Amino acid sequence: MIATYDKKVTMAERVGIGLDLDPQLAAGYELLQGAMTALEEHDVDQLMDLLFTKYDVPAPFQTVLKTLRKNSEGVYNATVLPYSNGRVEGSTA
């Protein structure tokens, strides 16, 4: 628990405090951080291991995992192929 409120707390410290309060949330956070790293590094083996391993994470994380598993072929292709439609999806016409 934070004893004083007159100290500025960084965003990373806030995240750390929140994760310390809930081990299940911390597991979900680490899982998604690992998945993002695997995507950035195009590490398909690591990503598939993360997606198809059972984790004790909160329901919203389970929903994300279920969706990614259901679309694992697309996730695989997005990881190994150099193509992206990110600019198209990110634009509003």
PDB file of N, CA and C in Angstrom:
ATOM      1  N   MET A   1       0.837  -1.175   0.000  1.00  0.00           N
ATOM      2  CA  MET A   1       0.000   0.000   0.000  1.00  0.00           C
ATOM      3  C   MET A   1       0.884   1.241   0.000  1.00  0.00           C
ATOM      4  N   ILE A   2       0.470   2.271  -0.683  1.00  0.00           N
ATOM      5  CA  ILE A   2       1.219   3.517  -0.741  1.00  0.00           C
ATOM      6  C   ILE A   2       0.925   4.321   0.522  1.00  0.00           C
ATOM      7  N   ALA A   3       1.986   4.686   1.251  1.00  0.00           N
ATOM      8  CA  ALA A   3       1.812   5.377   2.527  1.00  0.00           C
ATOM      9  C   ALA A   3       1.592   6.875   2.347  1.00  0.00           C
ATOM     10  N   THR A   4       2.091   7.423   1.263  1.00  0.00           N
ATOM     11  CA  THR A   4       1.977   8.865   1.065  1.00  0.00           C
ATOM     12  C   THR A   4       1.467   9.154  -0.334  1.00  0.00           C
ATOM     13  N   TYR A   5       0.719  10.230  -0.457  1.00  0.00           N
ATOM     14  CA  TYR A   5       0.163  10.609  -1.750  1.00  0.00           C
ATOM     15  C   TYR A   5       0.813  11.864  -2.313  1.00  0.00           C
ATOM     16  N   ASP A   6       1.843  12.382  -1.644  1.00  0.00           N
ATOM     17  CA  ASP A   6       2.491  13.595  -2.126  1.00  0.00           C
ATOM     18  C   ASP A   6       3.634  13.303  -3.092  1.00  0.00           C
ATOM     19  N   LYS A   7       3.903  12.054  -3.350  1.00  0.00           N
ATOM     20  CA  LYS A   7       4.974  11.654  -4.254  1.00  0.00           C
ATOM     21  C   LYS A   7       4.388  11.390  -5.637  1.00  0.00           C
ATOM     22  N   LYS A   8       5.075  11.846  -6.682  1.00  0.00           N
ATOM     23  CA  LYS A   8       4.643  11.549  -8.041  1.00  0.00           C
ATOM     24  C   LYS A   8       4.970  10.103  -8.360  1.00  0.00           C
ATOM     25  N   VAL A   9       4.027   9.441  -9.023  1.00  0.00           N
ATOM     26  CA  VAL A   9       4.184   8.035  -9.375  1.00  0.00           C
ATOM     27  C   VAL A   9       4.188   7.938 -10.897  1.00  0.00           C
ATOM     28  N   THR A  10       5.199   7.263 -11.426  1.00  0.00           N
ATOM     29  CA  THR A  10       5.291   7.107 -12.879  1.00  0.00           C
ATOM     30  C   THR A  10       4.250   6.105 -13.370  1.00  0.00           C
ATOM     31  N   MET A  11       4.024   6.104 -14.658  1.00  0.00           N
ATOM     32  CA  MET A  11       3.086   5.162 -15.255  1.00  0.00           C
ATOM     33  C   MET A  11       3.540   3.723 -14.996  1.00  0.00           C
ATOM     34  N   ALA A  12       4.822   3.458 -15.129  1.00  0.00           N
ATOM     35  CA  ALA A  12       5.336   2.109 -14.890  1.00  0.00           C
ATOM     36  C   ALA A  12       5.104   1.692 -13.437  1.00  0.00           C
ATOM     37  N   GLU A  13       5.270   2.626 -12.512  1.00  0.00           N
ATOM     38  CA  GLU A  13       5.016   2.314 -11.102  1.00  0.00           C
ATOM     39  C   GLU A  13       3.537   2.033 -10.870  1.00  0.00           C
ATOM     40  N   ARG A  14       2.668   2.778 -11.522  1.00  0.00           N
ATOM     41  CA  ARG A  14       1.225   2.534 -11.394  1.00  0.00           C
ATOM     42  C   ARG A  14       0.863   1.139 -11.894  1.00  0.00           C
ATOM     43  N   VAL A  15       1.432   0.782 -13.043  1.00  0.00           N
ATOM     44  CA  VAL A  15       1.168  -0.555 -13.583  1.00  0.00           C
ATOM     45  C   VAL A  15       1.666  -1.601 -12.596  1.00  0.00           C
ATOM     46  N   GLY A  16       2.862  -1.410 -12.086  1.00  0.00           N
ATOM     47  CA  GLY A  16       3.434  -2.353 -11.121  1.00  0.00           C
ATOM     48  C   GLY A  16       2.577  -2.498  -9.875  1.00  0.00           C
ATOM     49  N   ILE A  17       2.074  -1.386  -9.370  1.00  0.00           N
ATOM     50  CA  ILE A  17       1.207  -1.426  -8.183  1.00  0.00           C
ATOM     51  C   ILE A  17      -0.057  -2.230  -8.488  1.00  0.00           C
ATOM     52  N   GLY A  18      -0.665  -1.960  -9.621  1.00  0.00           N
ATOM     53  CA  GLY A  18      -1.873  -2.684 -10.004  1.00  0.00           C
ATOM     54  C   GLY A  18      -1.631  -4.167 -10.180  1.00  0.00           C
ATOM     55  N   LEU A  19      -0.525  -4.514 -10.810  1.00  0.00           N
ATOM     56  CA  LEU A  19      -0.215  -5.926 -11.042  1.00  0.00           C
ATOM     57  C   LEU A  19       0.122  -6.648  -9.744  1.00  0.00           C
ATOM     58  N   ASP A  20       0.718  -5.923  -8.797  1.00  0.00           N
ATOM     59  CA  ASP A  20       1.015  -6.519  -7.490  1.00  0.00           C
ATOM     60  C   ASP A  20      -0.260  -6.882  -6.729  1.00  0.00           C
ATOM     61  N   LEU A  21      -1.339  -6.197  -7.012  1.00  0.00           N
ATOM     62  CA  LEU A  21      -2.597  -6.432  -6.305  1.00  0.00           C
ATOM     63  C   LEU A  21      -3.351  -7.662  -6.807  1.00  0.00           C
ATOM     64  N   ASP A  22      -3.067  -8.109  -8.035  1.00  0.00           N
ATOM     65  CA  ASP A  22      -3.842  -9.203  -8.625  1.00  0.00           C
ATOM     66  C   ASP A  22      -2.932 -10.116  -9.442  1.00  0.00           C
ATOM     67  N   PRO A  23      -2.540 -11.262  -8.891  1.00  0.00           N
ATOM     68  CA  PRO A  23      -1.643 -12.178  -9.611  1.00  0.00           C
ATOM     69  C   PRO A  23      -2.219 -12.654 -10.948  1.00  0.00           C
ATOM     70  N   GLN A  24      -3.536 -12.826 -11.022  1.00  0.00           N
ATOM     71  CA  GLN A  24      -4.166 -13.272 -12.264  1.00  0.00           C
ATOM     72  C   GLN A  24      -4.019 -12.184 -13.338  1.00  0.00           C
ATOM     73  N   LEU A  25      -4.216 -10.940 -12.945  1.00  0.00           N
ATOM     74  CA  LEU A  25      -4.027  -9.823 -13.873  1.00  0.00           C
ATOM     75  C   LEU A  25      -2.563  -9.738 -14.299  1.00  0.00           C
ATOM     76  N   ALA A  26      -1.653  -9.934 -13.365  1.00  0.00           N
ATOM     77  CA  ALA A  26      -0.223  -9.901 -13.681  1.00  0.00           C
ATOM     78  C   ALA A  26       0.133 -10.980 -14.707  1.00  0.00           C
ATOM     79  N   ALA A  27      -0.459 -12.175 -14.559  1.00  0.00           N
ATOM     80  CA  ALA A  27      -0.201 -13.256 -15.514  1.00  0.00           C
ATOM     81  C   ALA A  27      -0.715 -12.877 -16.903  1.00  0.00           C
ATOM     82  N   GLY A  28      -1.891 -12.269 -16.954  1.00  0.00           N
ATOM     83  CA  GLY A  28      -2.443 -11.827 -18.241  1.00  0.00           C
ATOM     84  C   GLY A  28      -1.601 -10.747 -18.884  1.00  0.00           C
ATOM     85  N   TYR A  29      -1.134  -9.819 -18.076  1.00  0.00           N
ATOM     86  CA  TYR A  29      -0.290  -8.731 -18.573  1.00  0.00           C
ATOM     87  C   TYR A  29       1.008  -9.293 -19.162  1.00  0.00           C
ATOM     88  N   GLU A  30       1.633 -10.206 -18.440  1.00  0.00           N
ATOM     89  CA  GLU A  30       2.883 -10.806 -18.921  1.00  0.00           C
ATOM     90  C   GLU A  30       2.644 -11.601 -20.205  1.00  0.00           C
ATOM     91  N   LEU A  31       1.522 -12.297 -20.268  1.00  0.00           N
ATOM     92  CA  LEU A  31       1.167 -13.057 -21.469  1.00  0.00           C
ATOM     93  C   LEU A  31       1.048 -12.132 -22.676  1.00  0.00           C
ATOM     94  N   LEU A  32       0.310 -11.052 -22.541  1.00  0.00           N
ATOM     95  CA  LEU A  32       0.124 -10.137 -23.672  1.00  0.00           C
ATOM     96  C   LEU A  32       1.410  -9.398 -24.028  1.00  0.00           C
ATOM     97  N   GLN A  33       2.221  -9.063 -23.030  1.00  0.00           N
ATOM     98  CA  GLN A  33       3.515  -8.442 -23.321  1.00  0.00           C
ATOM     99  C   GLN A  33       4.391  -9.409 -24.119  1.00  0.00           C
ATOM    100  N   GLY A  34       4.364 -10.683 -23.734  1.00  0.00           N
ATOM    101  CA  GLY A  34       5.126 -11.697 -24.463  1.00  0.00           C
ATOM    102  C   GLY A  34       4.633 -11.860 -25.885  1.00  0.00           C
ATOM    103  N   ALA A  35       3.317 -11.819 -26.062  1.00  0.00           N
ATOM    104  CA  ALA A  35       2.744 -11.948 -27.404  1.00  0.00           C
ATOM    105  C   ALA A  35       3.131 -10.754 -28.271  1.00  0.00           C
ATOM    106  N   MET A  36       3.091  -9.558 -27.708  1.00  0.00           N
ATOM    107  CA  MET A  36       3.483  -8.370 -28.484  1.00  0.00           C
ATOM    108  C   MET A  36       4.954  -8.436 -28.880  1.00  0.00           C
ATOM    109  N   THR A  37       5.793  -8.895 -27.969  1.00  0.00           N
ATOM    110  CA  THR A  37       7.219  -9.037 -28.280  1.00  0.00           C
ATOM    111  C   THR A  37       7.426 -10.073 -29.382  1.00  0.00           C
ATOM    112  N   ALA A  38       6.725 -11.200 -29.288  1.00  0.00           N
ATOM    113  CA  ALA A  38       6.843 -12.239 -30.317  1.00  0.00           C
ATOM    114  C   ALA A  38       6.409 -11.703 -31.678  1.00  0.00           C
ATOM    115  N   LEU A  39       5.337 -10.915 -31.711  1.00  0.00           N
ATOM    116  CA  LEU A  39       4.895 -10.316 -32.972  1.00  0.00           C
ATOM    117  C   LEU A  39       5.939  -9.350 -33.523  1.00  0.00           C
ATOM    118  N   GLU A  40       6.463  -8.490 -32.666  1.00  0.00           N
ATOM    119  CA  GLU A  40       7.462  -7.504 -33.111  1.00  0.00           C
ATOM    120  C   GLU A  40       8.713  -8.187 -33.655  1.00  0.00           C
ATOM    121  N   GLU A  41       9.084  -9.305 -33.043  1.00  0.00           N
ATOM    122  CA  GLU A  41      10.303 -10.019 -33.437  1.00  0.00           C
ATOM    123  C   GLU A  41      10.032 -11.109 -34.472  1.00  0.00           C
ATOM    124  N   HIS A  42       8.769 -11.228 -34.913  1.00  0.00           N
ATOM    125  CA  HIS A  42       8.362 -12.246 -35.889  1.00  0.00           C
ATOM    126  C   HIS A  42       8.749 -13.651 -35.418  1.00  0.00           C
ATOM    127  N   ASP A  43       8.596 -13.892 -34.111  1.00  0.00           N
ATOM    128  CA  ASP A  43       8.920 -15.191 -33.511  1.00  0.00           C
ATOM    129  C   ASP A  43       7.651 -16.031 -33.445  1.00  0.00           C
ATOM    130  N   VAL A  44       7.367 -16.725 -34.543  1.00  0.00           N
ATOM    131  CA  VAL A  44       6.121 -17.477 -34.661  1.00  0.00           C
ATOM    132  C   VAL A  44       6.053 -18.631 -33.659  1.00  0.00           C
ATOM    133  N   ASP A  45       7.162 -19.277 -33.378  1.00  0.00           N
ATOM    134  CA  ASP A  45       7.157 -20.390 -32.421  1.00  0.00           C
ATOM    135  C   ASP A  45       6.771 -19.905 -31.026  1.00  0.00           C
ATOM    136  N   GLN A  46       7.357 -18.810 -30.599  1.00  0.00           N
ATOM    137  CA  GLN A  46       7.041 -18.244 -29.281  1.00  0.00           C
ATOM    138  C   GLN A  46       5.585 -17.806 -29.219  1.00  0.00           C
ATOM    139  N   LEU A  47       5.115 -17.174 -30.278  1.00  0.00           N
ATOM    140  CA  LEU A  47       3.736 -16.694 -30.306  1.00  0.00           C
ATOM    141  C   LEU A  47       2.752 -17.858 -30.234  1.00  0.00           C
ATOM    142  N   MET A  48       2.973 -18.900 -31.007  1.00  0.00           N
ATOM    143  CA  MET A  48       2.068 -20.043 -30.988  1.00  0.00           C
ATOM    144  C   MET A  48       2.109 -20.755 -29.634  1.00  0.00           C
ATOM    145  N   ASP A  49       3.292 -20.829 -29.030  1.00  0.00           N
ATOM    146  CA  ASP A  49       3.388 -21.402 -27.679  1.00  0.00           C
ATOM    147  C   ASP A  49       2.531 -20.594 -26.697  1.00  0.00           C
ATOM    148  N   LEU A  50       2.618 -19.281 -26.782  1.00  0.00           N
ATOM    149  CA  LEU A  50       1.831 -18.425 -25.900  1.00  0.00           C
ATOM    150  C   LEU A  50       0.331 -18.609 -26.130  1.00  0.00           C
ATOM    151  N   LEU A  51      -0.070 -18.707 -27.387  1.00  0.00           N
ATOM    152  CA  LEU A  51      -1.495 -18.800 -27.701  1.00  0.00           C
ATOM    153  C   LEU A  51      -2.108 -20.139 -27.296  1.00  0.00           C
ATOM    154  N   PHE A  52      -1.326 -21.209 -27.359  1.00  0.00           N
ATOM    155  CA  PHE A  52      -1.895 -22.534 -27.144  1.00  0.00           C
ATOM    156  C   PHE A  52      -1.490 -23.169 -25.813  1.00  0.00           C
ATOM    157  N   THR A  53      -1.011 -22.360 -24.879  1.00  0.00           N
ATOM    158  CA  THR A  53      -0.735 -22.818 -23.524  1.00  0.00           C
ATOM    159  C   THR A  53      -1.868 -22.318 -22.628  1.00  0.00           C
ATOM    160  N   LYS A  54      -2.295 -23.136 -21.684  1.00  0.00           N
ATOM    161  CA  LYS A  54      -3.366 -22.743 -20.757  1.00  0.00           C
ATOM    162  C   LYS A  54      -2.809 -21.789 -19.712  1.00  0.00           C
ATOM    163  N   TYR A  55      -3.537 -20.694 -19.475  1.00  0.00           N
ATOM    164  CA  TYR A  55      -3.131 -19.701 -18.491  1.00  0.00           C
ATOM    165  C   TYR A  55      -4.298 -19.382 -17.571  1.00  0.00           C
ATOM    166  N   ASP A  56      -3.984 -19.080 -16.324  1.00  0.00           N
ATOM    167  CA  ASP A  56      -4.993 -18.615 -15.372  1.00  0.00           C
ATOM    168  C   ASP A  56      -5.000 -17.093 -15.431  1.00  0.00           C
ATOM    169  N   VAL A  57      -5.780 -16.576 -16.378  1.00  0.00           N
ATOM    170  CA  VAL A  57      -5.854 -15.132 -16.592  1.00  0.00           C
ATOM    171  C   VAL A  57      -7.322 -14.697 -16.546  1.00  0.00           C
ATOM    172  N   PRO A  58      -7.574 -13.409 -16.326  1.00  0.00           N
ATOM    173  CA  PRO A  58      -8.952 -12.928 -16.268  1.00  0.00           C
ATOM    174  C   PRO A  58      -9.726 -13.194 -17.565  1.00  0.00           C
ATOM    175  N   ALA A  59     -11.044 -13.208 -17.451  1.00  0.00           N
ATOM    176  CA  ALA A  59     -11.926 -13.529 -18.581  1.00  0.00           C
ATOM    177  C   ALA A  59     -11.643 -12.702 -19.839  1.00  0.00           C
ATOM    178  N   PRO A  60     -11.425 -11.389 -19.737  1.00  0.00           N
ATOM    179  CA  PRO A  60     -11.152 -10.635 -20.975  1.00  0.00           C
ATOM    180  C   PRO A  60      -9.904 -11.137 -21.715  1.00  0.00           C
ATOM    181  N   PHE A  61      -8.902 -11.564 -20.967  1.00  0.00           N
ATOM    182  CA  PHE A  61      -7.701 -12.114 -21.598  1.00  0.00           C
ATOM    183  C   PHE A  61      -8.031 -13.447 -22.265  1.00  0.00           C
ATOM    184  N   GLN A  62      -8.877 -14.254 -21.614  1.00  0.00           N
ATOM    185  CA  GLN A  62      -9.294 -15.531 -22.199  1.00  0.00           C
ATOM    186  C   GLN A  62     -10.013 -15.294 -23.528  1.00  0.00           C
ATOM    187  N   THR A  63     -10.829 -14.243 -23.582  1.00  0.00           N
ATOM    188  CA  THR A  63     -11.548 -13.910 -24.814  1.00  0.00           C
ATOM    189  C   THR A  63     -10.570 -13.563 -25.927  1.00  0.00           C
ATOM    190  N   VAL A  64      -9.554 -12.770 -25.600  1.00  0.00           N
ATOM    191  CA  VAL A  64      -8.530 -12.414 -26.595  1.00  0.00           C
ATOM    192  C   VAL A  64      -7.818 -13.669 -27.079  1.00  0.00           C
ATOM    193  N   LEU A  65      -7.425 -14.537 -26.153  1.00  0.00           N
ATOM    194  CA  LEU A  65      -6.730 -15.770 -26.533  1.00  0.00           C
ATOM    195  C   LEU A  65      -7.606 -16.648 -27.416  1.00  0.00           C
ATOM    196  N   LYS A  66      -8.877 -16.774 -27.056  1.00  0.00           N
ATOM    197  CA  LYS A  66      -9.797 -17.598 -27.845  1.00  0.00           C
ATOM    198  C   LYS A  66      -9.910 -17.062 -29.271  1.00  0.00           C
ATOM    199  N   THR A  67     -10.016 -15.756 -29.393  1.00  0.00           N
ATOM    200  CA  THR A  67     -10.122 -15.137 -30.718  1.00  0.00           C
ATOM    201  C   THR A  67      -8.851 -15.350 -31.525  1.00  0.00           C
ATOM    202  N   LEU A  68      -7.698 -15.170 -30.900  1.00  0.00           N
ATOM    203  CA  LEU A  68      -6.429 -15.375 -31.607  1.00  0.00           C
ATOM    204  C   LEU A  68      -6.248 -16.836 -32.000  1.00  0.00           C
ATOM    205  N   ARG A  69      -6.662 -17.752 -31.118  1.00  0.00           N
ATOM    206  CA  ARG A  69      -6.573 -19.187 -31.460  1.00  0.00           C
ATOM    207  C   ARG A  69      -7.477 -19.515 -32.651  1.00  0.00           C
ATOM    208  N   LYS A  70      -8.682 -18.965 -32.615  1.00  0.00           N
ATOM    209  CA  LYS A  70      -9.640 -19.211 -33.696  1.00  0.00           C
ATOM    210  C   LYS A  70      -9.093 -18.713 -35.030  1.00  0.00           C
ATOM    211  N   ASN A  71      -8.330 -17.643 -34.985  1.00  0.00           N
ATOM    212  CA  ASN A  71      -7.756 -17.042 -36.192  1.00  0.00           C
ATOM    213  C   ASN A  71      -6.258 -17.307 -36.281  1.00  0.00           C
ATOM    214  N   SER A  72      -5.821 -18.466 -35.786  1.00  0.00           N
ATOM    215  CA  SER A  72      -4.382 -18.736 -35.690  1.00  0.00           C
ATOM    216  C   SER A  72      -3.684 -18.749 -37.044  1.00  0.00           C
ATOM    217  N   GLU A  73      -4.386 -19.141 -38.099  1.00  0.00           N
ATOM    218  CA  GLU A  73      -3.754 -19.124 -39.426  1.00  0.00           C
ATOM    219  C   GLU A  73      -3.408 -17.688 -39.820  1.00  0.00           C
ATOM    220  N   GLY A  74      -4.319 -16.770 -39.614  1.00  0.00           N
ATOM    221  CA  GLY A  74      -4.058 -15.360 -39.908  1.00  0.00           C
ATOM    222  C   GLY A  74      -2.985 -14.777 -39.007  1.00  0.00           C
ATOM    223  N   VAL A  75      -2.996 -15.174 -37.737  1.00  0.00           N
ATOM    224  CA  VAL A  75      -1.969 -14.714 -36.798  1.00  0.00           C
ATOM    225  C   VAL A  75      -0.603 -15.224 -37.248  1.00  0.00           C
ATOM    226  N   TYR A  76      -0.558 -16.474 -37.637  1.00  0.00           N
ATOM    227  CA  TYR A  76       0.685 -17.062 -38.139  1.00  0.00           C
ATOM    228  C   TYR A  76       1.187 -16.284 -39.353  1.00  0.00           C
ATOM    229  N   ASN A  77       0.296 -16.064 -40.329  1.00  0.00           N
ATOM    230  CA  ASN A  77       0.684 -15.337 -41.539  1.00  0.00           C
ATOM    231  C   ASN A  77       1.137 -13.920 -41.229  1.00  0.00           C
ATOM    232  N   ALA A  78       0.439 -13.245 -40.320  1.00  0.00           N
ATOM    233  CA  ALA A  78       0.825 -11.879 -39.951  1.00  0.00           C
ATOM    234  C   ALA A  78       2.191 -11.848 -39.286  1.00  0.00           C
ATOM    235  N   THR A  79       2.556 -12.946 -38.653  1.00  0.00           N
ATOM    236  CA  THR A  79       3.846 -13.009 -37.969  1.00  0.00           C
ATOM    237  C   THR A  79       4.988 -13.273 -38.934  1.00  0.00           C
ATOM    238  N   VAL A  80       4.764 -14.130 -39.927  1.00  0.00           N
ATOM    239  CA  VAL A  80       5.870 -14.542 -40.794  1.00  0.00           C
ATOM    240  C   VAL A  80       5.947 -13.787 -42.113  1.00  0.00           C
ATOM    241  N   LEU A  81       4.845 -13.197 -42.558  1.00  0.00           N
ATOM    242  CA  LEU A  81       4.844 -12.505 -43.849  1.00  0.00           C
ATOM    243  C   LEU A  81       5.120 -11.015 -43.671  1.00  0.00           C
ATOM    244  N   PRO A  82       5.734 -10.381 -44.670  1.00  0.00           N
ATOM    245  CA  PRO A  82       6.074  -8.959 -44.547  1.00  0.00           C
ATOM    246  C   PRO A  82       4.910  -8.019 -44.856  1.00  0.00           C
ATOM    247  N   TYR A  83       3.741  -8.546 -45.150  1.00  0.00           N
ATOM    248  CA  TYR A  83       2.618  -7.712 -45.572  1.00  0.00           C
ATOM    249  C   TYR A  83       1.809  -7.229 -44.374  1.00  0.00           C
ATOM    250  N   SER A  84       1.182  -6.069 -44.525  1.00  0.00           N
ATOM    251  CA  SER A  84       0.338  -5.528 -43.470  1.00  0.00           C
ATOM    252  C   SER A  84      -0.752  -4.658 -44.088  1.00  0.00           C
ATOM    253  N   ASN A  85      -1.946  -4.734 -43.526  1.00  0.00           N
ATOM    254  CA  ASN A  85      -3.008  -3.818 -43.932  1.00  0.00           C
ATOM    255  C   ASN A  85      -3.282  -2.828 -42.808  1.00  0.00           C
ATOM    256  N   GLY A  86      -2.330  -2.661 -41.937  1.00  0.00           N
ATOM    257  CA  GLY A  86      -2.468  -1.761 -40.794  1.00  0.00           C
ATOM    258  C   GLY A  86      -2.819  -0.339 -41.182  1.00  0.00           C
ATOM    259  N   ARG A  87      -2.211   0.169 -42.219  1.00  0.00           N
ATOM    260  CA  ARG A  87      -2.512   1.544 -42.644  1.00  0.00           C
ATOM    261  C   ARG A  87      -3.950   1.662 -43.141  1.00  0.00           C
ATOM    262  N   VAL A  88      -4.418   0.648 -43.831  1.00  0.00           N
ATOM    263  CA  VAL A  88      -5.794   0.675 -44.338  1.00  0.00           C
ATOM    264  C   VAL A  88      -6.764   0.596 -43.167  1.00  0.00           C
ATOM    265  N   GLU A  89      -6.536  -0.327 -42.228  1.00  0.00           N
ATOM    266  CA  GLU A  89      -7.432  -0.485 -41.086  1.00  0.00           C
ATOM    267  C   GLU A  89      -7.366   0.717 -40.160  1.00  0.00           C
ATOM    268  N   GLY A  90      -6.241   1.386 -40.113  1.00  0.00           N
ATOM    269  CA  GLY A  90      -6.083   2.515 -39.215  1.00  0.00           C
ATOM    270  C   GLY A  90      -6.616   3.818 -39.759  1.00  0.00           C
ATOM    271  N   SER A  91      -7.027   3.836 -41.011  1.00  0.00           N
ATOM    272  CA  SER A  91      -7.516   5.085 -41.595  1.00  0.00           C
ATOM    273  C   SER A  91      -9.033   5.145 -41.531  1.00  0.00           C
ATOM    274  N   THR A  92      -9.542   6.336 -41.465  1.00  0.00           N
ATOM    275  CA  THR A  92     -10.992   6.529 -41.498  1.00  0.00           C
ATOM    276  C   THR A  92     -11.327   7.316 -42.746  1.00  0.00           C
ATOM    277  N   ALA A  93     -12.178   6.760 -43.550  1.00  0.00           N
ATOM    278  CA  ALA A  93     -12.506   7.399 -44.832  1.00  0.00           C
ATOM    279  C   ALA A  93     -13.759   8.233 -44.690  1.00  0.00           C
TER     280      ALA A  93
END
